[in-house]
Amino acid sequence: MKRYDSISRRDFLTRSAAVTALGTIPLRSFAQEGLQSRVIPGTDERLPLVGLGSPDFFYTTPAGGNNNDASELVRAMYEAGGRLIDTPAFFRPIPPETAEDVDVLAAAIAAEEAPAEVALPVLGTILQELNLHNELFLIGKITVNGREDATRHLNSTIENLGREQIDLMLLHNLRDLENTWPVLQEAKAEGKVRYIGVSEASDQIPNEVLENFMVNYNPDFIMPSYSMYRPSIEERILLLAADMGTGVITIEAFKTAEDGAYFSLTAGRDLPEWAAEFDCESWAQFSLKYVLSHPSVTCTAVETKSTGHILDNLGAGYGRMPDQATRVRMKEFFEGLI
């Protein structure tokens, strides 16, 4: 693998004239063009192809700051046609004295190593202030062990979001499956949850384990890590999802190795001219259009803190998609950058 210096997406986007232009498009005009959507398997309900993950300022208000940036991000997504948010899992907080502590908290959440006390993410308040809490497809996650704690997390998630029912609740990384999956099944039967499923990040769950779960428990959705760098689920998981009628919401489209340096690989490089054949205007869209062009994928959720980034990401849901031959070409081109 080539050596490269890490570059943030913010730094990368400042070099992209196409993305700069995209960020100037009035949001309502952008939405009127029509973000593509796909049907949730087994239903007549559609989801826009691109949704929003949960950056750290959805978890807690930045020290000495406010929630304005987080609120603007949600508004921008909504007005540009996005309708899905993968909401923060309830966390065990470290009181943030500085902005750096917020980063520590986010890392602890991801590693499932934060303390035991439960705190409320600020996203619920933001959605209610924007009066969007009933306008979006909202996803929650169970990230704790034990039936009692899982039930408490589920109920608290719904209450925090200002809802009587959440659209999709996921069991993260198959955590304590024997005790927590029944909580989701019962919640769906009671009408607290519309769909249930499982999420897995960064290939923490082997494909064989995920496949076995799908066959034995028949989830409505799975949320796997999937990108040109992590294509392993193409071999069996995505095919199985299509056969079983399972919805697929992908994550980590820009995950590369352990440091997530997709934009380090593409920095300073022009898109191949043939990317215009499938209406691709940025490197972000190059990755996302590869993911979204797989017929088994229902949609993707991408974490970002920037309105410019979310507009760029949503742009992947417009225009033509690559065909299978082009997908092979894209992957081979990307592998040549590694």
C-alpha atoms as a PDB file:
ATOM      1  CA  MET A   1       0.000   0.000   0.000  1.00  0.00           C
ATOM      2  CA  LYS A   2       1.239   3.492  -0.812  1.00  0.00           C
ATOM      3  CA  ARG A   3       2.173   5.787   2.029  1.00  0.00           C
ATOM      4  CA  TYR A   4       0.168   8.963   2.283  1.00  0.00           C
ATOM      5  CA  ASP A   5      -0.434  11.816   4.668  1.00  0.00           C
ATOM      6  CA  SER A   6      -3.825  12.071   6.326  1.00  0.00           C
ATOM      7  CA  ILE A   7      -6.093  14.845   5.067  1.00  0.00           C
ATOM      8  CA  SER A   8      -9.455  15.859   6.445  1.00  0.00           C
ATOM      9  CA  ARG A   9     -12.489  15.964   4.213  1.00  0.00           C
ATOM     10  CA  ARG A  10     -12.846  19.678   4.988  1.00  0.00           C
ATOM     11  CA  ASP A  11      -9.350  20.334   3.646  1.00  0.00           C
ATOM     12  CA  PHE A  12     -10.026  18.172   0.613  1.00  0.00           C
ATOM     13  CA  LEU A  13     -13.282  19.909  -0.277  1.00  0.00           C
ATOM     14  CA  THR A  14     -11.636  23.336  -0.316  1.00  0.00           C
ATOM     15  CA  ARG A  15      -9.753  22.094  -3.394  1.00  0.00           C
ATOM     16  CA  SER A  16     -12.877  21.002  -5.267  1.00  0.00           C
ATOM     17  CA  ALA A  17     -14.540  23.560  -7.510  1.00  0.00           C
ATOM     18  CA  ALA A  18     -17.434  21.192  -8.193  1.00  0.00           C
ATOM     19  CA  VAL A  19     -18.314  20.876  -4.508  1.00  0.00           C
ATOM     20  CA  THR A  20     -17.926  24.606  -3.941  1.00  0.00           C
ATOM     21  CA  ALA A  21     -20.441  25.209  -6.709  1.00  0.00           C
ATOM     22  CA  LEU A  22     -22.808  22.603  -5.292  1.00  0.00           C
ATOM     23  CA  GLY A  23     -22.762  24.338  -1.925  1.00  0.00           C
ATOM     24  CA  THR A  24     -24.115  27.532  -3.515  1.00  0.00           C
ATOM     25  CA  ILE A  25     -27.274  25.890  -4.885  1.00  0.00           C
ATOM     26  CA  PRO A  26     -30.413  27.141  -3.071  1.00  0.00           C
ATOM     27  CA  LEU A  27     -31.641  24.302  -0.909  1.00  0.00           C
ATOM     28  CA  ARG A  28     -35.233  24.332  -2.092  1.00  0.00           C
ATOM     29  CA  SER A  29     -34.195  24.356  -5.759  1.00  0.00           C
ATOM     30  CA  PHE A  30     -31.883  21.430  -5.029  1.00  0.00           C
ATOM     31  CA  ALA A  31     -34.733  19.470  -3.461  1.00  0.00           C
ATOM     32  CA  GLN A  32     -37.055  20.126  -6.400  1.00  0.00           C
ATOM     33  CA  GLU A  33     -34.745  18.225  -8.746  1.00  0.00           C
ATOM     34  CA  GLY A  34     -35.812  15.014  -7.033  1.00  0.00           C
ATOM     35  CA  LEU A  35     -33.508  12.904  -4.908  1.00  0.00           C
ATOM     36  CA  GLN A  36     -33.894   9.289  -6.011  1.00  0.00           C
ATOM     37  CA  SER A  37     -35.447   6.801  -3.611  1.00  0.00           C
ATOM     38  CA  ARG A  38     -35.878   3.056  -3.313  1.00  0.00           C
ATOM     39  CA  VAL A  39     -38.665   0.894  -1.936  1.00  0.00           C
ATOM     40  CA  ILE A  40     -38.180  -0.795   1.418  1.00  0.00           C
ATOM     41  CA  PRO A  41     -38.437  -4.512   0.544  1.00  0.00           C
ATOM     42  CA  GLY A  42     -41.875  -5.954   1.104  1.00  0.00           C
ATOM     43  CA  THR A  43     -43.550  -2.532   1.402  1.00  0.00           C
ATOM     44  CA  ASP A  44     -44.654   0.386  -0.750  1.00  0.00           C
ATOM     45  CA  GLU A  45     -42.612   2.807   1.401  1.00  0.00           C
ATOM     46  CA  ARG A  46     -39.659   4.569  -0.188  1.00  0.00           C
ATOM     47  CA  LEU A  47     -36.440   5.947   1.309  1.00  0.00           C
ATOM     48  CA  PRO A  48     -34.231   8.592  -0.335  1.00  0.00           C
ATOM     49  CA  LEU A  49     -30.904   7.093  -1.356  1.00  0.00           C
ATOM     50  CA  VAL A  50     -28.754   9.205   0.982  1.00  0.00           C
ATOM     51  CA  GLY A  51     -29.302   9.940   4.664  1.00  0.00           C
ATOM     52  CA  LEU A  52     -27.366  11.378   7.581  1.00  0.00           C
ATOM     53  CA  GLY A  53     -25.315   9.680  10.279  1.00  0.00           C
ATOM     54  CA  SER A  54     -24.670  11.102  13.750  1.00  0.00           C
ATOM     55  CA  PRO A  55     -21.715  13.461  14.214  1.00  0.00           C
ATOM     56  CA  ASP A  56     -20.544  14.231  17.749  1.00  0.00           C
ATOM     57  CA  PHE A  57     -22.577  17.442  18.049  1.00  0.00           C
ATOM     58  CA  PHE A  58     -25.718  15.294  17.838  1.00  0.00           C
ATOM     59  CA  TYR A  59     -24.569  13.693  21.102  1.00  0.00           C
ATOM     60  CA  THR A  60     -23.897  16.790  23.170  1.00  0.00           C
ATOM     61  CA  THR A  61     -23.669  20.560  22.848  1.00  0.00           C
ATOM     62  CA  PRO A  62     -20.069  21.688  22.205  1.00  0.00           C
ATOM     63  CA  ALA A  63     -18.450  23.212  25.293  1.00  0.00           C
ATOM     64  CA  GLY A  64     -19.109  26.948  25.380  1.00  0.00           C
ATOM     65  CA  GLY A  65     -21.234  26.706  22.246  1.00  0.00           C
ATOM     66  CA  ASN A  66     -24.758  26.006  21.084  1.00  0.00           C
ATOM     67  CA  ASN A  67     -26.659  23.629  18.826  1.00  0.00           C
ATOM     68  CA  ASN A  68     -26.951  25.996  15.857  1.00  0.00           C
ATOM     69  CA  ASP A  69     -24.558  24.097  13.594  1.00  0.00           C
ATOM     70  CA  ALA A  70     -26.259  20.792  14.313  1.00  0.00           C
ATOM     71  CA  SER A  71     -29.661  22.337  13.693  1.00  0.00           C
ATOM     72  CA  GLU A  72     -28.516  23.846  10.394  1.00  0.00           C
ATOM     73  CA  LEU A  73     -27.136  20.503   9.273  1.00  0.00           C
ATOM     74  CA  VAL A  74     -30.493  18.809   9.827  1.00  0.00           C
ATOM     75  CA  ARG A  75     -32.353  21.642   8.096  1.00  0.00           C
ATOM     76  CA  ALA A  76     -30.010  21.528   5.095  1.00  0.00           C
ATOM     77  CA  MET A  77     -30.446  17.779   4.732  1.00  0.00           C
ATOM     78  CA  TYR A  78     -34.228  18.034   4.940  1.00  0.00           C
ATOM     79  CA  GLU A  79     -34.586  20.916   2.498  1.00  0.00           C
ATOM     80  CA  ALA A  80     -32.289  19.151   0.024  1.00  0.00           C
ATOM     81  CA  GLY A  81     -34.530  16.086   0.053  1.00  0.00           C
ATOM     82  CA  GLY A  82     -32.924  13.896   2.734  1.00  0.00           C
ATOM     83  CA  ARG A  83     -35.312  12.141   5.091  1.00  0.00           C
ATOM     84  CA  LEU A  84     -33.265   9.604   7.077  1.00  0.00           C
ATOM     85  CA  ILE A  85     -31.166  10.149  10.191  1.00  0.00           C
ATOM     86  CA  ASP A  86     -29.240   7.442  11.990  1.00  0.00           C
ATOM     87  CA  THR A  87     -29.708   8.984  15.429  1.00  0.00           C
ATOM     88  CA  PRO A  88     -27.114   8.752  18.241  1.00  0.00           C
ATOM     89  CA  ALA A  89     -27.142   5.731  20.448  1.00  0.00           C
ATOM     90  CA  PHE A  90     -27.772   6.600  24.075  1.00  0.00           C
ATOM     91  CA  PHE A  91     -24.426   7.004  25.722  1.00  0.00           C
ATOM     92  CA  ARG A  92     -22.688   6.899  29.066  1.00  0.00           C
ATOM     93  CA  PRO A  93     -21.319  10.426  29.273  1.00  0.00           C
ATOM     94  CA  ILE A  94     -18.040  11.994  30.264  1.00  0.00           C
ATOM     95  CA  PRO A  95     -18.962  15.590  31.247  1.00  0.00           C
ATOM     96  CA  PRO A  96     -17.362  17.676  28.469  1.00  0.00           C
ATOM     97  CA  GLU A  97     -15.308  20.507  29.968  1.00  0.00           C
ATOM     98  CA  THR A  98     -13.623  21.261  26.653  1.00  0.00           C
ATOM     99  CA  ALA A  99     -14.210  20.521  22.983  1.00  0.00           C
ATOM    100  CA  GLU A 100     -11.521  17.878  23.203  1.00  0.00           C
ATOM    101  CA  ASP A 101     -13.564  16.043  25.813  1.00  0.00           C
ATOM    102  CA  VAL A 102     -16.404  15.770  23.327  1.00  0.00           C
ATOM    103  CA  ASP A 103     -14.042  13.949  20.982  1.00  0.00           C
ATOM    104  CA  VAL A 104     -13.037  11.645  23.846  1.00  0.00           C
ATOM    105  CA  LEU A 105     -16.714  10.980  24.515  1.00  0.00           C
ATOM    106  CA  ALA A 106     -17.425  10.170  20.872  1.00  0.00           C
ATOM    107  CA  ALA A 107     -14.487   7.762  20.808  1.00  0.00           C
ATOM    108  CA  ALA A 108     -15.714   6.107  24.009  1.00  0.00           C
ATOM    109  CA  ILE A 109     -19.176   5.694  22.526  1.00  0.00           C
ATOM    110  CA  ALA A 110     -17.777   4.092  19.384  1.00  0.00           C
ATOM    111  CA  ALA A 111     -15.665   1.730  21.463  1.00  0.00           C
ATOM    112  CA  GLU A 112     -18.582   1.009  23.799  1.00  0.00           C
ATOM    113  CA  GLU A 113     -16.314   1.881  26.725  1.00  0.00           C
ATOM    114  CA  ALA A 114     -18.058   4.912  28.204  1.00  0.00           C
ATOM    115  CA  PRO A 115     -19.271   4.925  31.835  1.00  0.00           C
ATOM    116  CA  ALA A 116     -22.575   3.364  32.819  1.00  0.00           C
ATOM    117  CA  GLU A 117     -24.806   6.423  33.383  1.00  0.00           C
ATOM    118  CA  VAL A 118     -27.251   7.114  30.557  1.00  0.00           C
ATOM    119  CA  ALA A 119     -27.568  10.601  29.064  1.00  0.00           C
ATOM    120  CA  LEU A 120     -29.827  12.079  26.392  1.00  0.00           C
ATOM    121  CA  PRO A 121     -28.418  13.052  22.989  1.00  0.00           C
ATOM    122  CA  VAL A 122     -29.298  16.623  21.987  1.00  0.00           C
ATOM    123  CA  LEU A 123     -30.635  15.585  18.566  1.00  0.00           C
ATOM    124  CA  GLY A 124     -34.101  14.911  19.949  1.00  0.00           C
ATOM    125  CA  THR A 125     -34.408  18.499  21.152  1.00  0.00           C
ATOM    126  CA  ILE A 126     -33.142  19.819  17.813  1.00  0.00           C
ATOM    127  CA  LEU A 127     -35.651  17.798  15.816  1.00  0.00           C
ATOM    128  CA  GLN A 128     -38.526  18.951  17.988  1.00  0.00           C
ATOM    129  CA  GLU A 129     -37.438  22.580  17.755  1.00  0.00           C
ATOM    130  CA  LEU A 130     -37.395  22.259  13.955  1.00  0.00           C
ATOM    131  CA  ASN A 131     -40.746  20.421  14.087  1.00  0.00           C
ATOM    132  CA  LEU A 132     -39.215  17.616  12.038  1.00  0.00           C
ATOM    133  CA  HIS A 133     -39.418  14.797  14.570  1.00  0.00           C
ATOM    134  CA  ASN A 134     -42.427  13.285  12.775  1.00  0.00           C
ATOM    135  CA  GLU A 135     -41.193  14.102   9.258  1.00  0.00           C
ATOM    136  CA  LEU A 136     -38.104  11.897   9.168  1.00  0.00           C
ATOM    137  CA  PHE A 137     -37.236   8.216   9.061  1.00  0.00           C
ATOM    138  CA  LEU A 138     -35.357   7.878  12.361  1.00  0.00           C
ATOM    139  CA  ILE A 139     -33.072   5.026  13.349  1.00  0.00           C
ATOM    140  CA  GLY A 140     -32.037   4.110  16.894  1.00  0.00           C
ATOM    141  CA  LYS A 141     -29.602   1.541  18.273  1.00  0.00           C
ATOM    142  CA  ILE A 142     -29.353  -0.745  21.264  1.00  0.00           C
ATOM    143  CA  THR A 143     -25.770  -0.577  22.557  1.00  0.00           C
ATOM    144  CA  VAL A 144     -26.123  -2.134  26.005  1.00  0.00           C
ATOM    145  CA  ASN A 145     -26.306  -5.621  27.462  1.00  0.00           C
ATOM    146  CA  GLY A 146     -29.280  -7.123  29.247  1.00  0.00           C
ATOM    147  CA  ARG A 147     -32.997  -7.104  28.703  1.00  0.00           C
ATOM    148  CA  GLU A 148     -33.745  -4.404  31.275  1.00  0.00           C
ATOM    149  CA  ASP A 149     -31.151  -1.928  30.006  1.00  0.00           C
ATOM    150  CA  ALA A 150     -32.082  -2.616  26.387  1.00  0.00           C
ATOM    151  CA  THR A 151     -35.741  -1.901  27.148  1.00  0.00           C
ATOM    152  CA  ARG A 152     -34.806   1.307  28.944  1.00  0.00           C
ATOM    153  CA  HIS A 153     -32.648   2.460  26.050  1.00  0.00           C
ATOM    154  CA  LEU A 154     -35.366   1.763  23.517  1.00  0.00           C
ATOM    155  CA  ASN A 155     -38.058   3.604  25.479  1.00  0.00           C
ATOM    156  CA  SER A 156     -35.735   6.526  26.235  1.00  0.00           C
ATOM    157  CA  THR A 157     -34.800   6.824  22.554  1.00  0.00           C
ATOM    158  CA  ILE A 158     -38.409   7.108  21.477  1.00  0.00           C
ATOM    159  CA  GLU A 159     -39.179   9.636  24.208  1.00  0.00           C
ATOM    160  CA  ASN A 160     -36.076  11.718  23.488  1.00  0.00           C
ATOM    161  CA  LEU A 161     -37.009  11.985  19.812  1.00  0.00           C
ATOM    162  CA  GLY A 162     -40.507  13.203  20.678  1.00  0.00           C
ATOM    163  CA  ARG A 163     -42.111  10.208  19.010  1.00  0.00           C
ATOM    164  CA  GLU A 164     -44.634   7.578  19.985  1.00  0.00           C
ATOM    165  CA  GLN A 165     -42.974   5.149  17.624  1.00  0.00           C
ATOM    166  CA  ILE A 166     -39.503   4.929  16.079  1.00  0.00           C
ATOM    167  CA  ASP A 167     -39.088   3.838  12.479  1.00  0.00           C
ATOM    168  CA  LEU A 168     -36.163   1.453  12.837  1.00  0.00           C
ATOM    169  CA  MET A 169     -34.379   0.089  15.903  1.00  0.00           C
ATOM    170  CA  LEU A 170     -31.131  -1.804  15.457  1.00  0.00           C
ATOM    171  CA  LEU A 171     -29.125  -4.112  17.654  1.00  0.00           C
ATOM    172  CA  HIS A 172     -25.564  -2.825  17.298  1.00  0.00           C
ATOM    173  CA  ASN A 173     -22.882  -5.424  16.600  1.00  0.00           C
ATOM    174  CA  LEU A 174     -25.285  -8.193  17.702  1.00  0.00           C
ATOM    175  CA  ARG A 175     -24.664  -7.105  21.260  1.00  0.00           C
ATOM    176  CA  ASP A 176     -25.985  -9.639  23.821  1.00  0.00           C
ATOM    177  CA  LEU A 177     -28.249 -11.085  21.124  1.00  0.00           C
ATOM    178  CA  GLU A 178     -29.979 -13.641  23.316  1.00  0.00           C
ATOM    179  CA  ASN A 179     -31.292 -10.998  25.723  1.00  0.00           C
ATOM    180  CA  THR A 180     -31.643  -7.901  23.567  1.00  0.00           C
ATOM    181  CA  TRP A 181     -33.145  -9.153  20.301  1.00  0.00           C
ATOM    182  CA  PRO A 182     -36.370 -10.269  22.043  1.00  0.00           C
ATOM    183  CA  VAL A 183     -36.744  -6.682  23.300  1.00  0.00           C
ATOM    184  CA  LEU A 184     -36.822  -5.461  19.710  1.00  0.00           C
ATOM    185  CA  GLN A 185     -39.233  -8.190  18.624  1.00  0.00           C
ATOM    186  CA  GLU A 186     -41.636  -7.335  21.420  1.00  0.00           C
ATOM    187  CA  ALA A 187     -41.377  -3.607  20.729  1.00  0.00           C
ATOM    188  CA  LYS A 188     -42.302  -4.192  17.101  1.00  0.00           C
ATOM    189  CA  ALA A 189     -45.255  -6.385  18.084  1.00  0.00           C
ATOM    190  CA  GLU A 190     -46.433  -3.652  20.478  1.00  0.00           C
ATOM    191  CA  GLY A 191     -46.156  -0.946  17.802  1.00  0.00           C
ATOM    192  CA  LYS A 192     -43.305   0.966  19.428  1.00  0.00           C
ATOM    193  CA  VAL A 193     -41.023   0.168  16.496  1.00  0.00           C
ATOM    194  CA  ARG A 194     -41.908  -0.199  12.813  1.00  0.00           C
ATOM    195  CA  TYR A 195     -38.850  -2.138  11.676  1.00  0.00           C
ATOM    196  CA  ILE A 196     -36.068  -3.969  13.502  1.00  0.00           C
ATOM    197  CA  GLY A 197     -32.621  -5.132  12.484  1.00  0.00           C
ATOM    198  CA  VAL A 198     -28.929  -5.176  13.218  1.00  0.00           C
ATOM    199  CA  SER A 199     -26.015  -2.821  12.560  1.00  0.00           C
ATOM    200  CA  GLU A 200     -22.319  -3.601  12.382  1.00  0.00           C
ATOM    201  CA  ALA A 201     -19.403  -1.212  11.973  1.00  0.00           C
ATOM    202  CA  SER A 202     -15.933  -1.635  10.517  1.00  0.00           C
ATOM    203  CA  ASP A 203     -16.305  -5.342   9.846  1.00  0.00           C
ATOM    204  CA  GLN A 204     -16.544  -6.141  13.563  1.00  0.00           C
ATOM    205  CA  ILE A 205     -19.059  -8.879  12.803  1.00  0.00           C
ATOM    206  CA  PRO A 206     -17.755 -11.585  10.411  1.00  0.00           C
ATOM    207  CA  ASN A 207     -19.907 -12.157   7.341  1.00  0.00           C
ATOM    208  CA  GLU A 208     -20.587 -15.737   8.416  1.00  0.00           C
ATOM    209  CA  VAL A 209     -22.034 -14.536  11.732  1.00  0.00           C
ATOM    210  CA  LEU A 210     -24.176 -11.882  10.056  1.00  0.00           C
ATOM    211  CA  GLU A 211     -25.390 -14.388   7.470  1.00  0.00           C
ATOM    212  CA  ASN A 212     -26.356 -16.867  10.182  1.00  0.00           C
ATOM    213  CA  PHE A 213     -28.244 -14.160  12.048  1.00  0.00           C
ATOM    214  CA  MET A 214     -30.157 -13.141   8.929  1.00  0.00           C
ATOM    215  CA  VAL A 215     -31.192 -16.702   8.147  1.00  0.00           C
ATOM    216  CA  ASN A 216     -32.295 -17.500  11.688  1.00  0.00           C
ATOM    217  CA  TYR A 217     -33.867 -14.194  12.776  1.00  0.00           C
ATOM    218  CA  ASN A 218     -35.115 -12.636   9.504  1.00  0.00           C
ATOM    219  CA  PRO A 219     -34.471  -8.946  10.321  1.00  0.00           C
ATOM    220  CA  ASP A 220     -36.272  -6.193   8.423  1.00  0.00           C
ATOM    221  CA  PHE A 221     -33.006  -4.316   7.910  1.00  0.00           C
ATOM    222  CA  ILE A 222     -29.277  -4.721   8.191  1.00  0.00           C
ATOM    223  CA  MET A 223     -26.827  -1.813   8.448  1.00  0.00           C
ATOM    224  CA  PRO A 224     -23.400  -3.060   7.320  1.00  0.00           C
ATOM    225  CA  SER A 225     -20.107  -1.325   6.553  1.00  0.00           C
ATOM    226  CA  TYR A 226     -19.729  -1.228   2.749  1.00  0.00           C
ATOM    227  CA  SER A 227     -17.433   0.572   0.321  1.00  0.00           C
ATOM    228  CA  MET A 228     -15.001  -0.069  -2.518  1.00  0.00           C
ATOM    229  CA  TYR A 229     -12.394  -0.657   0.183  1.00  0.00           C
ATOM    230  CA  ARG A 230     -14.688  -3.000   2.134  1.00  0.00           C
ATOM    231  CA  PRO A 231     -16.616  -4.896  -0.567  1.00  0.00           C
ATOM    232  CA  SER A 232     -16.729  -8.314   1.109  1.00  0.00           C
ATOM    233  CA  ILE A 233     -20.480  -8.242   1.758  1.00  0.00           C
ATOM    234  CA  GLU A 234     -21.062  -8.304  -2.001  1.00  0.00           C
ATOM    235  CA  GLU A 235     -20.151 -11.977  -2.130  1.00  0.00           C
ATOM    236  CA  ARG A 236     -22.976 -13.339   0.042  1.00  0.00           C
ATOM    237  CA  ILE A 237     -24.621 -10.830   2.391  1.00  0.00           C
ATOM    238  CA  LEU A 238     -26.088  -8.507  -0.244  1.00  0.00           C
ATOM    239  CA  LEU A 239     -27.257 -11.448  -2.323  1.00  0.00           C
ATOM    240  CA  LEU A 240     -28.896 -12.991   0.726  1.00  0.00           C
ATOM    241  CA  ALA A 241     -30.572  -9.669   1.568  1.00  0.00           C
ATOM    242  CA  ALA A 242     -32.085  -9.574  -1.907  1.00  0.00           C
ATOM    243  CA  ASP A 243     -33.292 -13.168  -1.620  1.00  0.00           C
ATOM    244  CA  MET A 244     -34.813 -12.608   1.832  1.00  0.00           C
ATOM    245  CA  GLY A 245     -36.313  -9.189   1.126  1.00  0.00           C
ATOM    246  CA  THR A 246     -34.131  -7.506   3.743  1.00  0.00           C
ATOM    247  CA  GLY A 247     -33.549  -3.753   3.599  1.00  0.00           C
ATOM    248  CA  VAL A 248     -29.914  -2.635   3.495  1.00  0.00           C
ATOM    249  CA  ILE A 249     -28.758   0.731   4.864  1.00  0.00           C
ATOM    250  CA  THR A 250     -25.004   0.969   4.388  1.00  0.00           C
ATOM    251  CA  ILE A 251     -22.490   2.971   6.420  1.00  0.00           C
ATOM    252  CA  GLU A 252     -18.775   3.886   6.282  1.00  0.00           C
ATOM    253  CA  ALA A 253     -18.637   4.660   2.554  1.00  0.00           C
ATOM    254  CA  PHE A 254     -15.415   6.598   3.139  1.00  0.00           C
ATOM    255  CA  LYS A 255     -13.776   4.133   5.505  1.00  0.00           C
ATOM    256  CA  THR A 256     -10.286   3.234   4.295  1.00  0.00           C
ATOM    257  CA  ALA A 257      -8.037   1.018   6.402  1.00  0.00           C
ATOM    258  CA  GLU A 258      -8.136   2.006  10.072  1.00  0.00           C
ATOM    259  CA  ASP A 259      -7.831   5.758   9.642  1.00  0.00           C
ATOM    260  CA  GLY A 260     -10.653   6.363   7.204  1.00  0.00           C
ATOM    261  CA  ALA A 261      -8.340   8.148   4.783  1.00  0.00           C
ATOM    262  CA  TYR A 262     -10.362   7.859   1.556  1.00  0.00           C
ATOM    263  CA  PHE A 263      -9.804  11.537   0.872  1.00  0.00           C
ATOM    264  CA  SER A 264      -6.083  11.169   1.456  1.00  0.00           C
ATOM    265  CA  LEU A 265      -5.991   8.683  -1.392  1.00  0.00           C
ATOM    266  CA  THR A 266      -7.938  10.913  -3.765  1.00  0.00           C
ATOM    267  CA  ALA A 267      -6.437  14.282  -2.743  1.00  0.00           C
ATOM    268  CA  GLY A 268      -4.855  16.181  -5.596  1.00  0.00           C
ATOM    269  CA  ARG A 269      -6.258  13.791  -8.198  1.00  0.00           C
ATOM    270  CA  ASP A 270      -8.828  14.595 -10.839  1.00  0.00           C
ATOM    271  CA  LEU A 271     -11.863  12.400 -11.251  1.00  0.00           C
ATOM    272  CA  PRO A 272     -11.540  10.151 -14.289  1.00  0.00           C
ATOM    273  CA  GLU A 273     -13.282  11.713 -17.267  1.00  0.00           C
ATOM    274  CA  TRP A 274     -15.609   8.745 -17.556  1.00  0.00           C
ATOM    275  CA  ALA A 275     -17.130   9.588 -14.139  1.00  0.00           C
ATOM    276  CA  ALA A 276     -19.272  12.109 -16.019  1.00  0.00           C
ATOM    277  CA  GLU A 277     -21.004   9.168 -17.691  1.00  0.00           C
ATOM    278  CA  PHE A 278     -22.851   8.517 -14.414  1.00  0.00           C
ATOM    279  CA  ASP A 279     -23.212  12.156 -13.345  1.00  0.00           C
ATOM    280  CA  CYS A 280     -20.468  12.030 -10.710  1.00  0.00           C
ATOM    281  CA  GLU A 281     -19.095  15.445  -9.695  1.00  0.00           C
ATOM    282  CA  SER A 282     -16.856  14.701  -6.698  1.00  0.00           C
ATOM    283  CA  TRP A 283     -14.792  11.981  -5.080  1.00  0.00           C
ATOM    284  CA  ALA A 284     -17.422  11.644  -2.358  1.00  0.00           C
ATOM    285  CA  GLN A 285     -20.037  10.906  -4.995  1.00  0.00           C
ATOM    286  CA  PHE A 286     -17.648   8.454  -6.687  1.00  0.00           C
ATOM    287  CA  SER A 287     -17.637   6.298  -3.552  1.00  0.00           C
ATOM    288  CA  LEU A 288     -21.318   6.752  -2.777  1.00  0.00           C
ATOM    289  CA  LYS A 289     -22.489   6.007  -6.315  1.00  0.00           C
ATOM    290  CA  TYR A 290     -20.511   2.772  -6.231  1.00  0.00           C
ATOM    291  CA  VAL A 291     -22.338   1.775  -3.047  1.00  0.00           C
ATOM    292  CA  LEU A 292     -25.763   2.951  -4.172  1.00  0.00           C
ATOM    293  CA  SER A 293     -25.547   1.308  -7.588  1.00  0.00           C
ATOM    294  CA  HIS A 294     -25.652  -2.146  -6.017  1.00  0.00           C
ATOM    295  CA  PRO A 295     -29.258  -3.310  -6.504  1.00  0.00           C
ATOM    296  CA  SER A 296     -29.499  -4.799  -2.996  1.00  0.00           C
ATOM    297  CA  VAL A 297     -28.718  -1.487  -1.268  1.00  0.00           C
ATOM    298  CA  THR A 298     -31.762   0.460  -0.124  1.00  0.00           C
ATOM    299  CA  CYS A 299     -29.885   3.611   0.925  1.00  0.00           C
ATOM    300  CA  THR A 300     -26.781   4.831   2.740  1.00  0.00           C
ATOM    301  CA  ALA A 301     -26.200   6.957   5.852  1.00  0.00           C
ATOM    302  CA  VAL A 302     -23.136   9.203   5.979  1.00  0.00           C
ATOM    303  CA  GLU A 303     -21.829  10.984   9.058  1.00  0.00           C
ATOM    304  CA  THR A 304     -20.805  14.627   8.600  1.00  0.00           C
ATOM    305  CA  LYS A 305     -20.841  17.935  10.489  1.00  0.00           C
ATOM    306  CA  SER A 306     -20.865  20.156   7.385  1.00  0.00           C
ATOM    307  CA  THR A 307     -23.815  21.392   5.336  1.00  0.00           C
ATOM    308  CA  GLY A 308     -21.500  21.491   2.320  1.00  0.00           C
ATOM    309  CA  HIS A 309     -20.645  17.845   2.857  1.00  0.00           C
ATOM    310  CA  ILE A 310     -24.247  16.728   3.204  1.00  0.00           C
ATOM    311  CA  LEU A 311     -25.199  18.523  -0.013  1.00  0.00           C
ATOM    312  CA  ASP A 312     -22.298  16.835  -1.768  1.00  0.00           C
ATOM    313  CA  ASN A 313     -23.347  13.449  -0.385  1.00  0.00           C
ATOM    314  CA  LEU A 314     -26.974  13.953  -1.382  1.00  0.00           C
ATOM    315  CA  GLY A 315     -25.749  14.753  -4.877  1.00  0.00           C
ATOM    316  CA  ALA A 316     -24.865  11.079  -5.241  1.00  0.00           C
ATOM    317  CA  GLY A 317     -28.595  10.321  -5.225  1.00  0.00           C
ATOM    318  CA  TYR A 318     -29.187  12.393  -8.370  1.00  0.00           C
ATOM    319  CA  GLY A 319     -28.608  11.499 -11.993  1.00  0.00           C
ATOM    320  CA  ARG A 320     -27.407   8.264 -13.534  1.00  0.00           C
ATOM    321  CA  MET A 321     -25.898   5.349 -11.623  1.00  0.00           C
ATOM    322  CA  PRO A 322     -22.998   3.214 -12.847  1.00  0.00           C
ATOM    323  CA  ASP A 323     -23.860  -0.140 -14.415  1.00  0.00           C
ATOM    324  CA  GLN A 324     -22.123  -3.348 -13.405  1.00  0.00           C
ATOM    325  CA  ALA A 325     -19.306  -2.985 -15.915  1.00  0.00           C
ATOM    326  CA  THR A 326     -18.678   0.554 -14.701  1.00  0.00           C
ATOM    327  CA  ARG A 327     -18.716  -0.581 -11.071  1.00  0.00           C
ATOM    328  CA  VAL A 328     -15.912  -3.021 -11.864  1.00  0.00           C
ATOM    329  CA  ARG A 329     -14.013  -0.221 -13.577  1.00  0.00           C
ATOM    330  CA  MET A 330     -14.520   2.077 -10.568  1.00  0.00           C
ATOM    331  CA  LYS A 331     -13.220  -0.487  -8.131  1.00  0.00           C
ATOM    332  CA  GLU A 332     -10.185  -1.256 -10.279  1.00  0.00           C
ATOM    333  CA  PHE A 333      -9.435   2.463 -10.595  1.00  0.00           C
ATOM    334  CA  PHE A 334      -9.722   2.956  -6.830  1.00  0.00           C
ATOM    335  CA  GLU A 335      -7.502  -0.022  -6.118  1.00  0.00           C
ATOM    336  CA  GLY A 336      -4.887   1.620  -8.305  1.00  0.00           C
ATOM    337  CA  LEU A 337      -4.785   4.514  -5.821  1.00  0.00           C
ATOM    338  CA  ILE A 338      -4.030   2.319  -2.820  1.00  0.00           C
END
